[in-house]
Protein backbone atom coordinates (compact mmCIF):
# COMPACT_ATOMS: atom_id res chain seq x y z
CA MET A 1 76.86 113.30 -75.34
CA LYS A 2 76.79 116.98 -74.52
CA THR A 3 78.38 118.12 -71.29
CA GLY A 4 78.65 121.49 -69.63
CA ARG A 5 76.38 123.79 -67.79
CA ALA A 6 72.80 122.83 -66.99
CA LYS A 7 69.98 124.62 -68.81
CA PHE A 8 68.86 127.81 -67.05
CA VAL A 9 65.42 127.38 -65.50
CA PRO A 10 63.82 130.65 -64.35
CA THR A 11 61.96 130.96 -61.06
CA LYS A 12 58.42 132.33 -60.86
CA GLU A 13 59.85 135.50 -59.31
CA GLN A 14 62.28 135.94 -62.21
CA VAL A 15 59.46 135.46 -64.73
CA LEU A 16 57.45 138.16 -62.98
CA THR A 17 60.47 140.49 -62.83
CA VAL A 18 61.11 140.13 -66.56
CA ARG A 19 57.41 140.60 -67.36
CA VAL A 20 57.18 143.81 -65.33
CA MET A 21 60.49 145.26 -66.51
CA THR A 22 59.62 144.51 -70.15
CA ALA A 23 56.18 146.09 -69.78
CA CYS A 24 57.86 149.21 -68.37
CA GLY A 25 60.08 149.43 -71.44
CA MET A 26 63.38 148.53 -69.79
CA PRO A 27 66.16 147.50 -72.20
CA GLN A 28 66.98 143.81 -72.24
CA SER A 29 70.57 144.56 -71.21
CA VAL A 30 69.26 146.16 -68.01
CA ILE A 31 66.87 143.28 -67.37
CA CYS A 32 69.78 140.82 -67.62
CA GLN A 33 71.48 142.53 -64.69
CA GLN A 34 68.47 141.78 -62.46
CA ILE A 35 68.20 138.08 -63.33
CA ILE A 36 70.82 136.08 -61.46
CA ASN A 37 71.69 132.54 -62.49
CA SER A 38 71.66 130.46 -59.31
CA GLU A 39 74.29 128.12 -60.73
CA THR A 40 76.88 130.84 -61.37
CA GLY A 41 75.74 133.66 -59.10
CA LYS A 42 76.09 136.03 -62.05
CA PRO A 43 73.57 137.90 -64.21
CA VAL A 44 72.29 135.92 -67.18
CA ALA A 45 73.63 136.64 -70.64
CA LEU A 46 71.43 138.35 -73.21
CA LYS A 47 71.17 135.09 -75.17
CA THR A 48 69.99 133.25 -72.04
CA LEU A 49 67.45 135.97 -71.28
CA ARG A 50 66.02 135.71 -74.78
CA LEU A 51 65.83 131.90 -74.66
CA ALA A 52 64.42 131.54 -71.15
CA PHE A 53 61.98 134.46 -71.23
CA ARG A 54 60.86 134.54 -74.87
CA ASP A 55 57.13 134.78 -74.07
CA GLU A 56 57.59 137.56 -71.51
CA LEU A 57 59.81 139.59 -73.84
CA ASP A 58 57.43 139.15 -76.79
CA SER A 59 54.32 140.15 -74.85
CA GLY A 60 55.87 143.05 -72.92
CA LYS A 61 54.99 145.78 -75.39
CA SER A 62 51.40 144.57 -75.65
CA VAL A 63 51.06 144.53 -71.88
CA ALA A 64 52.42 148.06 -71.62
CA ASN A 65 50.05 149.31 -74.33
CA ALA A 66 47.10 147.67 -72.60
CA MET A 67 48.03 149.27 -69.27
CA VAL A 68 48.22 152.73 -70.86
CA ALA A 69 44.94 152.23 -72.72
CA GLN A 70 43.22 151.10 -69.53
CA SER A 71 44.51 154.12 -67.63
CA LEU A 72 43.39 156.53 -70.36
CA PHE A 73 39.97 154.87 -70.56
CA LYS A 74 39.46 155.18 -66.80
CA LYS A 75 40.36 158.88 -66.90
CA ALA A 76 38.12 159.51 -69.90
CA THR A 77 35.12 157.80 -68.33
CA ALA A 78 35.58 158.96 -64.75
CA GLY A 79 32.56 161.23 -65.04
CA THR A 80 34.29 164.38 -63.86
CA GLY A 81 32.23 166.72 -65.99
CA PRO A 82 32.94 170.42 -66.62
């Protein structure tokens, strides 16, 4: 039987924070400092971040690229002719 610390379960707010910070290109080490483990009161470790937020970290670059593409498309099609 394994004993020790309970598995980290992120809140909805933490998921959103990681999603936004990843999309903005923030390093994972910086993101860790913003995600506090309620059990310990300390920032999560890099390993914990990667385990608990795998989907958000994997999709962050795609989200950022989509946001840039959308912004460029809007500017290009704004109809502000010469």
